[in-house]
Amino acid sequence: LGISINTQTLYTTNSRSGIVTAIDLATGKQTHIKADADGRAP
């Protein structure tokens, strides 16, 4: 788990599914980010 203080966004990693999820703290919107084939197990 990490946080951008500037944008007030949380970032979570998931080594099971291989994605990073951005969570906007103001709106609750979640954005699921995928890397290319090399970026496994964040």
PDB file of all heavy atoms in Angstrom:
ATOM      1  N   LEU A   1       0.842  -1.195   0.000  1.00  0.00           N
ATOM      2  CA  LEU A   1       0.000   0.000   0.000  1.00  0.00           C
ATOM      3  C   LEU A   1       0.878   1.247   0.000  1.00  0.00           C
ATOM      4  O   LEU A   1       1.863   1.330   0.736  1.00  0.00           O
ATOM      5  CB  LEU A   1      -0.905   0.005   1.237  1.00  0.00           C
ATOM      6  CG  LEU A   1      -1.961   1.101   1.328  1.00  0.00           C
ATOM      7  CD1 LEU A   1      -3.011   0.948   0.226  1.00  0.00           C
ATOM      8  CD2 LEU A   1      -2.647   1.080   2.695  1.00  0.00           C
ATOM      9  N   GLY A   2       0.527   2.205  -0.852  1.00  0.00           N
ATOM     10  CA  GLY A   2       1.205   3.493  -0.886  1.00  0.00           C
ATOM     11  C   GLY A   2       0.188   4.588  -1.095  1.00  0.00           C
ATOM     12  O   GLY A   2      -0.983   4.320  -1.393  1.00  0.00           O
ATOM     13  N   ILE A   3       0.617   5.836  -0.944  1.00  0.00           N
ATOM     14  CA  ILE A   3      -0.308   6.956  -1.106  1.00  0.00           C
ATOM     15  C   ILE A   3       0.400   8.122  -1.796  1.00  0.00           C
ATOM     16  O   ILE A   3       1.560   8.418  -1.504  1.00  0.00           O
ATOM     17  CB  ILE A   3      -0.886   7.419   0.252  1.00  0.00           C
ATOM     18  CG1 ILE A   3      -1.939   8.509   0.057  1.00  0.00           C
ATOM     19  CG2 ILE A   3       0.217   7.881   1.204  1.00  0.00           C
ATOM     20  CD1 ILE A   3      -2.733   8.839   1.313  1.00  0.00           C
ATOM     21  N   SER A   4      -0.314   8.732  -2.726  1.00  0.00           N
ATOM     22  CA  SER A   4       0.123  10.003  -3.291  1.00  0.00           C
ATOM     23  C   SER A   4      -0.543  11.100  -2.481  1.00  0.00           C
ATOM     24  O   SER A   4      -1.777  11.235  -2.508  1.00  0.00           O
ATOM     25  CB  SER A   4      -0.281  10.117  -4.767  1.00  0.00           C
ATOM     26  OG  SER A   4      -0.081  11.458  -5.214  1.00  0.00           O
ATOM     27  N   ILE A   5       0.251  11.868  -1.764  1.00  0.00           N
ATOM     28  CA  ILE A   5      -0.305  12.968  -0.974  1.00  0.00           C
ATOM     29  C   ILE A   5      -0.834  14.047  -1.911  1.00  0.00           C
ATOM     30  O   ILE A   5      -1.855  14.678  -1.644  1.00  0.00           O
ATOM     31  CB  ILE A   5       0.771  13.549  -0.026  1.00  0.00           C
ATOM     32  CG1 ILE A   5       1.363  12.438   0.852  1.00  0.00           C
ATOM     33  CG2 ILE A   5       0.174  14.652   0.842  1.00  0.00           C
ATOM     34  CD1 ILE A   5       0.371  11.696   1.696  1.00  0.00           C
ATOM     35  N   ASN A   6      -0.148  14.256  -3.033  1.00  0.00           N
ATOM     36  CA  ASN A   6      -0.575  15.283  -3.995  1.00  0.00           C
ATOM     37  C   ASN A   6      -1.977  15.042  -4.514  1.00  0.00           C
ATOM     38  O   ASN A   6      -2.824  15.946  -4.550  1.00  0.00           O
ATOM     39  CB  ASN A   6       0.383  15.328  -5.192  1.00  0.00           C
ATOM     40  CG  ASN A   6       1.742  15.888  -4.832  1.00  0.00           C
ATOM     41  OD1 ASN A   6       1.927  16.498  -3.785  1.00  0.00           O
ATOM     42  ND2 ASN A   6       2.711  15.673  -5.701  1.00  0.00           N
ATOM     43  N   THR A   7      -2.246  13.818  -4.959  1.00  0.00           N
ATOM     44  CA  THR A   7      -3.529  13.512  -5.604  1.00  0.00           C
ATOM     45  C   THR A   7      -4.519  12.859  -4.665  1.00  0.00           C
ATOM     46  O   THR A   7      -5.660  12.619  -5.048  1.00  0.00           O
ATOM     47  CB  THR A   7      -3.311  12.586  -6.813  1.00  0.00           C
ATOM     48  OG1 THR A   7      -2.820  11.318  -6.353  1.00  0.00           O
ATOM     49  CG2 THR A   7      -2.308  13.192  -7.790  1.00  0.00           C
ATOM     50  N   GLN A   8      -4.101  12.555  -3.433  1.00  0.00           N
ATOM     51  CA  GLN A   8      -4.943  11.857  -2.459  1.00  0.00           C
ATOM     52  C   GLN A   8      -5.501  10.559  -3.061  1.00  0.00           C
ATOM     53  O   GLN A   8      -6.698  10.287  -3.073  1.00  0.00           O
ATOM     54  CB  GLN A   8      -6.069  12.756  -1.956  1.00  0.00           C
ATOM     55  CG  GLN A   8      -5.606  13.832  -0.973  1.00  0.00           C
ATOM     56  CD  GLN A   8      -5.091  13.240   0.330  1.00  0.00           C
ATOM     57  OE1 GLN A   8      -5.881  12.849   1.201  1.00  0.00           O
ATOM     58  NE2 GLN A   8      -3.772  13.146   0.474  1.00  0.00           N
ATOM     59  N   THR A   9      -4.551   9.768  -3.541  1.00  0.00           N
ATOM     60  CA  THR A   9      -4.878   8.479  -4.137  1.00  0.00           C
ATOM     61  C   THR A   9      -4.079   7.381  -3.455  1.00  0.00           C
ATOM     62  O   THR A   9      -2.872   7.510  -3.261  1.00  0.00           O
ATOM     63  CB  THR A   9      -4.552   8.473  -5.643  1.00  0.00           C
ATOM     64  OG1 THR A   9      -5.271   9.527  -6.281  1.00  0.00           O
ATOM     65  CG2 THR A   9      -4.920   7.144  -6.284  1.00  0.00           C
ATOM     66  N   LEU A  10      -4.778   6.308  -3.066  1.00  0.00           N
ATOM     67  CA  LEU A  10      -4.124   5.127  -2.542  1.00  0.00           C
ATOM     68  C   LEU A  10      -3.766   4.191  -3.689  1.00  0.00           C
ATOM     69  O   LEU A  10      -4.504   4.108  -4.673  1.00  0.00           O
ATOM     70  CB  LEU A  10      -5.032   4.381  -1.562  1.00  0.00           C
ATOM     71  CG  LEU A  10      -5.397   5.079  -0.253  1.00  0.00           C
ATOM     72  CD1 LEU A  10      -6.472   4.275   0.481  1.00  0.00           C
ATOM     73  CD2 LEU A  10      -4.176   5.263   0.638  1.00  0.00           C
ATOM     74  N   TYR A  11      -2.665   3.464  -3.528  1.00  0.00           N
ATOM     75  CA  TYR A  11      -2.272   2.455  -4.512  1.00  0.00           C
ATOM     76  C   TYR A  11      -2.020   1.143  -3.776  1.00  0.00           C
ATOM     77  O   TYR A  11      -1.262   1.100  -2.809  1.00  0.00           O
ATOM     78  CB  TYR A  11      -1.005   2.880  -5.260  1.00  0.00           C
ATOM     79  CG  TYR A  11      -1.216   4.089  -6.139  1.00  0.00           C
ATOM     80  CD1 TYR A  11      -1.036   5.377  -5.628  1.00  0.00           C
ATOM     81  CD2 TYR A  11      -1.628   3.962  -7.465  1.00  0.00           C
ATOM     82  CE1 TYR A  11      -1.250   6.496  -6.416  1.00  0.00           C
ATOM     83  CE2 TYR A  11      -1.838   5.076  -8.262  1.00  0.00           C
ATOM     84  CZ  TYR A  11      -1.652   6.339  -7.732  1.00  0.00           C
ATOM     85  OH  TYR A  11      -1.874   7.445  -8.521  1.00  0.00           O
ATOM     86  N   THR A  12      -2.696   0.086  -4.217  1.00  0.00           N
ATOM     87  CA  THR A  12      -2.492  -1.228  -3.619  1.00  0.00           C
ATOM     88  C   THR A  12      -1.922  -2.185  -4.657  1.00  0.00           C
ATOM     89  O   THR A  12      -2.228  -2.076  -5.848  1.00  0.00           O
ATOM     90  CB  THR A  12      -3.803  -1.824  -3.085  1.00  0.00           C
ATOM     91  OG1 THR A  12      -4.601  -2.300  -4.176  1.00  0.00           O
ATOM     92  CG2 THR A  12      -4.601  -0.797  -2.294  1.00  0.00           C
ATOM     93  N   THR A  13      -1.091  -3.098  -4.187  1.00  0.00           N
ATOM     94  CA  THR A  13      -0.586  -4.146  -5.080  1.00  0.00           C
ATOM     95  C   THR A  13      -1.292  -5.457  -4.769  1.00  0.00           C
ATOM     96  O   THR A  13      -1.735  -5.694  -3.634  1.00  0.00           O
ATOM     97  CB  THR A  13       0.929  -4.355  -4.924  1.00  0.00           C
ATOM     98  OG1 THR A  13       1.214  -4.810  -3.588  1.00  0.00           O
ATOM     99  CG2 THR A  13       1.691  -3.083  -5.211  1.00  0.00           C
ATOM    100  N   ASN A  14      -1.375  -6.312  -5.766  1.00  0.00           N
ATOM    101  CA  ASN A  14      -1.948  -7.640  -5.598  1.00  0.00           C
ATOM    102  C   ASN A  14      -1.085  -8.625  -6.371  1.00  0.00           C
ATOM    103  O   ASN A  14      -1.165  -8.701  -7.590  1.00  0.00           O
ATOM    104  CB  ASN A  14      -3.388  -7.680  -6.103  1.00  0.00           C
ATOM    105  CG  ASN A  14      -3.996  -9.070  -5.982  1.00  0.00           C
ATOM    106  OD1 ASN A  14      -3.404  -9.964  -5.381  1.00  0.00           O
ATOM    107  ND2 ASN A  14      -5.150  -9.253  -6.554  1.00  0.00           N
ATOM    108  N   SER A  15      -0.256  -9.370  -5.637  1.00  0.00           N
ATOM    109  CA  SER A  15       0.627 -10.319  -6.314  1.00  0.00           C
ATOM    110  C   SER A  15      -0.139 -11.535  -6.830  1.00  0.00           C
ATOM    111  O   SER A  15       0.374 -12.278  -7.661  1.00  0.00           O
ATOM    112  CB  SER A  15       1.750 -10.763  -5.368  1.00  0.00           C
ATOM    113  OG  SER A  15       1.227 -11.363  -4.215  1.00  0.00           O
ATOM    114  N   ARG A  16      -1.375 -11.745  -6.345  1.00  0.00           N
ATOM    115  CA  ARG A  16      -2.164 -12.884  -6.829  1.00  0.00           C
ATOM    116  C   ARG A  16      -2.647 -12.640  -8.253  1.00  0.00           C
ATOM    117  O   ARG A  16      -2.502 -13.492  -9.135  1.00  0.00           O
ATOM    118  CB  ARG A  16      -3.379 -13.115  -5.920  1.00  0.00           C
ATOM    119  CG  ARG A  16      -3.038 -13.532  -4.482  1.00  0.00           C
ATOM    120  CD  ARG A  16      -4.307 -13.645  -3.653  1.00  0.00           C
ATOM    121  NE  ARG A  16      -4.023 -13.764  -2.224  1.00  0.00           N
ATOM    122  CZ  ARG A  16      -4.962 -13.630  -1.284  1.00  0.00           C
ATOM    123  NH1 ARG A  16      -6.215 -13.383  -1.626  1.00  0.00           N
ATOM    124  NH2 ARG A  16      -4.638 -13.743  -0.018  1.00  0.00           N
ATOM    125  N   SER A  17      -3.253 -11.474  -8.494  1.00  0.00           N
ATOM    126  CA  SER A  17      -3.803 -11.190  -9.817  1.00  0.00           C
ATOM    127  C   SER A  17      -2.857 -10.360 -10.675  1.00  0.00           C
ATOM    128  O   SER A  17      -3.080 -10.204 -11.867  1.00  0.00           O
ATOM    129  CB  SER A  17      -5.140 -10.446  -9.689  1.00  0.00           C
ATOM    130  OG  SER A  17      -4.949  -9.187  -9.074  1.00  0.00           O
ATOM    131  N   GLY A  18      -1.799  -9.809 -10.057  1.00  0.00           N
ATOM    132  CA  GLY A  18      -0.802  -9.073 -10.813  1.00  0.00           C
ATOM    133  C   GLY A  18      -1.240  -7.694 -11.239  1.00  0.00           C
ATOM    134  O   GLY A  18      -0.803  -7.202 -12.278  1.00  0.00           O
ATOM    135  N   ILE A  19      -2.084  -7.026 -10.436  1.00  0.00           N
ATOM    136  CA  ILE A  19      -2.520  -5.677 -10.784  1.00  0.00           C
ATOM    137  C   ILE A  19      -2.178  -4.707  -9.656  1.00  0.00           C
ATOM    138  O   ILE A  19      -1.905  -5.101  -8.527  1.00  0.00           O
ATOM    139  CB  ILE A  19      -4.041  -5.603 -11.072  1.00  0.00           C
ATOM    140  CG1 ILE A  19      -4.858  -5.929  -9.804  1.00  0.00           C
ATOM    141  CG2 ILE A  19      -4.428  -6.516 -12.212  1.00  0.00           C
ATOM    142  CD1 ILE A  19      -6.347  -5.712  -9.980  1.00  0.00           C
ATOM    143  N   VAL A  20      -2.184  -3.430 -10.008  1.00  0.00           N
ATOM    144  CA  VAL A  20      -2.128  -2.339  -9.033  1.00  0.00           C
ATOM    145  C   VAL A  20      -3.455  -1.602  -9.125  1.00  0.00           C
ATOM    146  O   VAL A  20      -3.931  -1.308 -10.219  1.00  0.00           O
ATOM    147  CB  VAL A  20      -0.960  -1.376  -9.323  1.00  0.00           C
ATOM    148  CG1 VAL A  20      -1.055  -0.128  -8.448  1.00  0.00           C
ATOM    149  CG2 VAL A  20       0.380  -2.078  -9.102  1.00  0.00           C
ATOM    150  N   THR A  21      -4.071  -1.332  -7.975  1.00  0.00           N
ATOM    151  CA  THR A  21      -5.347  -0.624  -7.952  1.00  0.00           C
ATOM    152  C   THR A  21      -5.159   0.760  -7.354  1.00  0.00           C
ATOM    153  O   THR A  21      -4.599   0.898  -6.263  1.00  0.00           O
ATOM    154  CB  THR A  21      -6.395  -1.394  -7.139  1.00  0.00           C
ATOM    155  OG1 THR A  21      -6.616  -2.673  -7.739  1.00  0.00           O
ATOM    156  CG2 THR A  21      -7.721  -0.640  -7.094  1.00  0.00           C
ATOM    157  N   ALA A  22      -5.613   1.784  -8.089  1.00  0.00           N
ATOM    158  CA  ALA A  22      -5.596   3.169  -7.596  1.00  0.00           C
ATOM    159  C   ALA A  22      -6.981   3.485  -7.042  1.00  0.00           C
ATOM    160  O   ALA A  22      -7.993   3.226  -7.701  1.00  0.00           O
ATOM    161  CB  ALA A  22      -5.242   4.126  -8.722  1.00  0.00           C
ATOM    162  N   ILE A  23      -7.025   4.045  -5.829  1.00  0.00           N
ATOM    163  CA  ILE A  23      -8.293   4.382  -5.179  1.00  0.00           C
ATOM    164  C   ILE A  23      -8.301   5.875  -4.883  1.00  0.00           C
ATOM    165  O   ILE A  23      -7.510   6.357  -4.059  1.00  0.00           O
ATOM    166  CB  ILE A  23      -8.491   3.596  -3.871  1.00  0.00           C
ATOM    167  CG1 ILE A  23      -8.373   2.081  -4.125  1.00  0.00           C
ATOM    168  CG2 ILE A  23      -9.827   3.930  -3.232  1.00  0.00           C
ATOM    169  CD1 ILE A  23      -8.332   1.255  -2.853  1.00  0.00           C
ATOM    170  N   ASP A  24      -9.180   6.613  -5.536  1.00  0.00           N
ATOM    171  CA  ASP A  24      -9.334   8.046  -5.303  1.00  0.00           C
ATOM    172  C   ASP A  24     -10.076   8.233  -3.984  1.00  0.00           C
ATOM    173  O   ASP A  24     -11.239   7.835  -3.845  1.00  0.00           O
ATOM    174  CB  ASP A  24     -10.115   8.675  -6.459  1.00  0.00           C
ATOM    175  CG  ASP A  24     -10.173  10.193  -6.370  1.00  0.00           C
ATOM    176  OD1 ASP A  24     -10.507  10.716  -5.288  1.00  0.00           O
ATOM    177  OD2 ASP A  24      -9.902  10.853  -7.384  1.00  0.00           O
ATOM    178  N   LEU A  25      -9.418   8.853  -2.991  1.00  0.00           N
ATOM    179  CA  LEU A  25     -10.035   8.985  -1.673  1.00  0.00           C
ATOM    180  C   LEU A  25     -11.217   9.951  -1.670  1.00  0.00           C
ATOM    181  O   LEU A  25     -12.108   9.834  -0.830  1.00  0.00           O
ATOM    182  CB  LEU A  25      -8.991   9.437  -0.649  1.00  0.00           C
ATOM    183  CG  LEU A  25      -7.984   8.365  -0.230  1.00  0.00           C
ATOM    184  CD1 LEU A  25      -6.908   8.978   0.669  1.00  0.00           C
ATOM    185  CD2 LEU A  25      -8.678   7.218   0.482  1.00  0.00           C
ATOM    186  N   ALA A  26     -11.244  10.888  -2.586  1.00  0.00           N
ATOM    187  CA  ALA A  26     -12.349  11.856  -2.631  1.00  0.00           C
ATOM    188  C   ALA A  26     -13.615  11.244  -3.220  1.00  0.00           C
ATOM    189  O   ALA A  26     -14.725  11.495  -2.739  1.00  0.00           O
ATOM    190  CB  ALA A  26     -11.943  13.084  -3.432  1.00  0.00           C
ATOM    191  N   THR A  27     -13.471  10.431  -4.256  1.00  0.00           N
ATOM    192  CA  THR A  27     -14.640   9.907  -4.970  1.00  0.00           C
ATOM    193  C   THR A  27     -14.870   8.415  -4.761  1.00  0.00           C
ATOM    194  O   THR A  27     -15.965   7.914  -5.024  1.00  0.00           O
ATOM    195  CB  THR A  27     -14.488  10.143  -6.483  1.00  0.00           C
ATOM    196  OG1 THR A  27     -13.383   9.352  -6.968  1.00  0.00           O
ATOM    197  CG2 THR A  27     -14.226  11.610  -6.777  1.00  0.00           C
ATOM    198  N   GLY A  28     -13.849   7.710  -4.305  1.00  0.00           N
ATOM    199  CA  GLY A  28     -13.952   6.265  -4.174  1.00  0.00           C
ATOM    200  C   GLY A  28     -13.715   5.511  -5.468  1.00  0.00           C
ATOM    201  O   GLY A  28     -13.737   4.278  -5.484  1.00  0.00           O
ATOM    202  N   LYS A  29     -13.467   6.216  -6.557  1.00  0.00           N
ATOM    203  CA  LYS A  29     -13.257   5.561  -7.841  1.00  0.00           C
ATOM    204  C   LYS A  29     -12.020   4.670  -7.786  1.00  0.00           C
ATOM    205  O   LYS A  29     -10.977   5.061  -7.278  1.00  0.00           O
ATOM    206  CB  LYS A  29     -13.082   6.597  -8.945  1.00  0.00           C
ATOM    207  CG  LYS A  29     -12.802   5.987 -10.310  1.00  0.00           C
ATOM    208  CD  LYS A  29     -12.530   7.059 -11.369  1.00  0.00           C
ATOM    209  CE  LYS A  29     -12.150   6.435 -12.706  1.00  0.00           C
ATOM    210  NZ  LYS A  29     -11.813   7.464 -13.725  1.00  0.00           N
ATOM    211  N   GLN A  30     -12.153   3.460  -8.343  1.00  0.00           N
ATOM    212  CA  GLN A  30     -11.043   2.525  -8.408  1.00  0.00           C
ATOM    213  C   GLN A  30     -10.622   2.311  -9.857  1.00  0.00           C
ATOM    214  O   GLN A  30     -11.449   2.093 -10.730  1.00  0.00           O
ATOM    215  CB  GLN A  30     -11.435   1.185  -7.787  1.00  0.00           C
ATOM    216  CG  GLN A  30     -11.771   1.297  -6.303  1.00  0.00           C
ATOM    217  CD  GLN A  30     -12.047  -0.042  -5.664  1.00  0.00           C
ATOM    218  OE1 GLN A  30     -11.558  -1.069  -6.111  1.00  0.00           O
ATOM    219  NE2 GLN A  30     -12.836  -0.029  -4.602  1.00  0.00           N
ATOM    220  N   THR A  31      -9.328   2.392 -10.072  1.00  0.00           N
ATOM    221  CA  THR A  31      -8.757   2.153 -11.392  1.00  0.00           C
ATOM    222  C   THR A  31      -7.777   1.003 -11.279  1.00  0.00           C
ATOM    223  O   THR A  31      -6.835   1.052 -10.476  1.00  0.00           O
ATOM    224  CB  THR A  31      -8.014   3.403 -11.916  1.00  0.00           C
ATOM    225  OG1 THR A  31      -8.912   4.509 -11.940  1.00  0.00           O
ATOM    226  CG2 THR A  31      -7.472   3.165 -13.317  1.00  0.00           C
ATOM    227  N   HIS A  32      -7.991  -0.044 -12.066  1.00  0.00           N
ATOM    228  CA  HIS A  32      -7.140  -1.226 -12.018  1.00  0.00           C
ATOM    229  C   HIS A  32      -6.102  -1.136 -13.130  1.00  0.00           C
ATOM    230  O   HIS A  32      -6.442  -1.013 -14.304  1.00  0.00           O
ATOM    231  CB  HIS A  32      -7.979  -2.488 -12.138  1.00  0.00           C
ATOM    232  CG  HIS A  32      -9.061  -2.561 -11.101  1.00  0.00           C
ATOM    233  ND1 HIS A  32      -8.783  -2.675  -9.761  1.00  0.00           N
ATOM    234  CD2 HIS A  32     -10.406  -2.498 -11.215  1.00  0.00           C
ATOM    235  CE1 HIS A  32      -9.921  -2.689  -9.078  1.00  0.00           C
ATOM    236  NE2 HIS A  32     -10.911  -2.580  -9.949  1.00  0.00           N
ATOM    237  N   ILE A  33      -4.844  -1.180 -12.729  1.00  0.00           N
ATOM    238  CA  ILE A  33      -3.728  -0.933 -13.643  1.00  0.00           C
ATOM    239  C   ILE A  33      -2.989  -2.238 -13.871  1.00  0.00           C
ATOM    240  O   ILE A  33      -2.616  -2.935 -12.918  1.00  0.00           O
ATOM    241  CB  ILE A  33      -2.778   0.125 -13.051  1.00  0.00           C
ATOM    242  CG1 ILE A  33      -3.565   1.390 -12.667  1.00  0.00           C
ATOM    243  CG2 ILE A  33      -1.660   0.461 -14.039  1.00  0.00           C
ATOM    244  CD1 ILE A  33      -2.795   2.336 -11.759  1.00  0.00           C
ATOM    245  N   LYS A  34      -2.762  -2.552 -15.142  1.00  0.00           N
ATOM    246  CA  LYS A  34      -2.016  -3.752 -15.502  1.00  0.00           C
ATOM    247  C   LYS A  34      -0.714  -3.357 -16.194  1.00  0.00           C
ATOM    248  O   LYS A  34      -0.692  -2.431 -16.998  1.00  0.00           O
ATOM    249  CB  LYS A  34      -2.845  -4.651 -16.417  1.00  0.00           C
ATOM    250  CG  LYS A  34      -4.077  -5.238 -15.732  1.00  0.00           C
ATOM    251  CD  LYS A  34      -4.812  -6.187 -16.668  1.00  0.00           C
ATOM    252  CE  LYS A  34      -6.019  -6.796 -15.969  1.00  0.00           C
ATOM    253  NZ  LYS A  34      -6.759  -7.738 -16.844  1.00  0.00           N
ATOM    254  N   ALA A  35       0.337  -4.116 -15.882  1.00  0.00           N
ATOM    255  CA  ALA A  35       1.629  -3.884 -16.541  1.00  0.00           C
ATOM    256  C   ALA A  35       1.721  -4.756 -17.779  1.00  0.00           C
ATOM    257  O   ALA A  35       0.818  -5.534 -18.085  1.00  0.00           O
ATOM    258  CB  ALA A  35       2.766  -4.195 -15.579  1.00  0.00           C
ATOM    259  N   ASP A  36       2.839  -4.647 -18.504  1.00  0.00           N
ATOM    260  CA  ASP A  36       3.064  -5.556 -19.618  1.00  0.00           C
ATOM    261  C   ASP A  36       3.446  -6.934 -19.072  1.00  0.00           C
ATOM    262  O   ASP A  36       3.462  -7.158 -17.860  1.00  0.00           O
ATOM    263  CB  ASP A  36       4.127  -5.008 -20.577  1.00  0.00           C
ATOM    264  CG  ASP A  36       5.459  -4.739 -19.895  1.00  0.00           C
ATOM    265  OD1 ASP A  36       5.746  -5.389 -18.868  1.00  0.00           O
ATOM    266  OD2 ASP A  36       6.207  -3.870 -20.371  1.00  0.00           O
ATOM    267  N   ALA A  37       3.738  -7.844 -19.940  1.00  0.00           N
ATOM    268  CA  ALA A  37       3.951  -9.238 -19.543  1.00  0.00           C
ATOM    269  C   ALA A  37       5.101  -9.419 -18.564  1.00  0.00           C
ATOM    270  O   ALA A  37       5.123 -10.386 -17.794  1.00  0.00           O
ATOM    271  CB  ALA A  37       4.196 -10.096 -20.785  1.00  0.00           C
ATOM    272  N   ASP A  38       6.066  -8.495 -18.575  1.00  0.00           N
ATOM    273  CA  ASP A  38       7.235  -8.653 -17.708  1.00  0.00           C
ATOM    274  C   ASP A  38       6.970  -8.240 -16.264  1.00  0.00           C
ATOM    275  O   ASP A  38       7.681  -8.672 -15.354  1.00  0.00           O
ATOM    276  CB  ASP A  38       8.404  -7.831 -18.252  1.00  0.00           C
ATOM    277  CG  ASP A  38       8.925  -8.370 -19.569  1.00  0.00           C
ATOM    278  OD1 ASP A  38       8.869  -9.599 -19.757  1.00  0.00           O
ATOM    279  OD2 ASP A  38       9.373  -7.569 -20.404  1.00  0.00           O
ATOM    280  N   GLY A  39       5.983  -7.386 -16.034  1.00  0.00           N
ATOM    281  CA  GLY A  39       5.792  -6.812 -14.710  1.00  0.00           C
ATOM    282  C   GLY A  39       4.944  -7.652 -13.796  1.00  0.00           C
ATOM    283  O   GLY A  39       3.867  -7.236 -13.348  1.00  0.00           O
ATOM    284  N   ARG A  40       5.385  -8.845 -13.487  1.00  0.00           N
ATOM    285  CA  ARG A  40       4.593  -9.772 -12.700  1.00  0.00           C
ATOM    286  C   ARG A  40       4.801  -9.558 -11.206  1.00  0.00           C
ATOM    287  O   ARG A  40       5.819  -9.065 -10.768  1.00  0.00           O
ATOM    288  CB  ARG A  40       4.946 -11.211 -13.083  1.00  0.00           C
ATOM    289  CG  ARG A  40       4.687 -11.526 -14.547  1.00  0.00           C
ATOM    290  CD  ARG A  40       5.020 -12.972 -14.889  1.00  0.00           C
ATOM    291  NE  ARG A  40       6.419 -13.303 -14.667  1.00  0.00           N
ATOM    292  CZ  ARG A  40       7.401 -13.038 -15.526  1.00  0.00           C
ATOM    293  NH1 ARG A  40       7.122 -12.413 -16.661  1.00  0.00           N
ATOM    294  NH2 ARG A  40       8.633 -13.384 -15.266  1.00  0.00           N
ATOM    295  N   ALA A  41       3.783  -9.999 -10.421  1.00  0.00           N
ATOM    296  CA  ALA A  41       3.861 -10.036  -8.957  1.00  0.00           C
ATOM    297  C   ALA A  41       4.282  -8.713  -8.342  1.00  0.00           C
ATOM    298  O   ALA A  41       5.324  -8.628  -7.678  1.00  0.00           O
ATOM    299  CB  ALA A  41       4.789 -11.161  -8.508  1.00  0.00           C
ATOM    300  N   PRO A  42       3.494  -7.645  -8.504  1.00  0.00           N
ATOM    301  CA  PRO A  42       3.842  -6.377  -7.850  1.00  0.00           C
ATOM    302  C   PRO A  42       3.781  -6.517  -6.339  1.00  0.00           C
ATOM    303  O   PRO A  42       2.892  -7.182  -5.804  1.00  0.00           O
ATOM    304  CB  PRO A  42       2.782  -5.410  -8.379  1.00  0.00           C
ATOM    305  CG  PRO A  42       1.608  -6.277  -8.705  1.00  0.00           C
ATOM    306  CD  PRO A  42       2.192  -7.565  -9.189  1.00  0.00           C
TER     307      PRO A  42
END
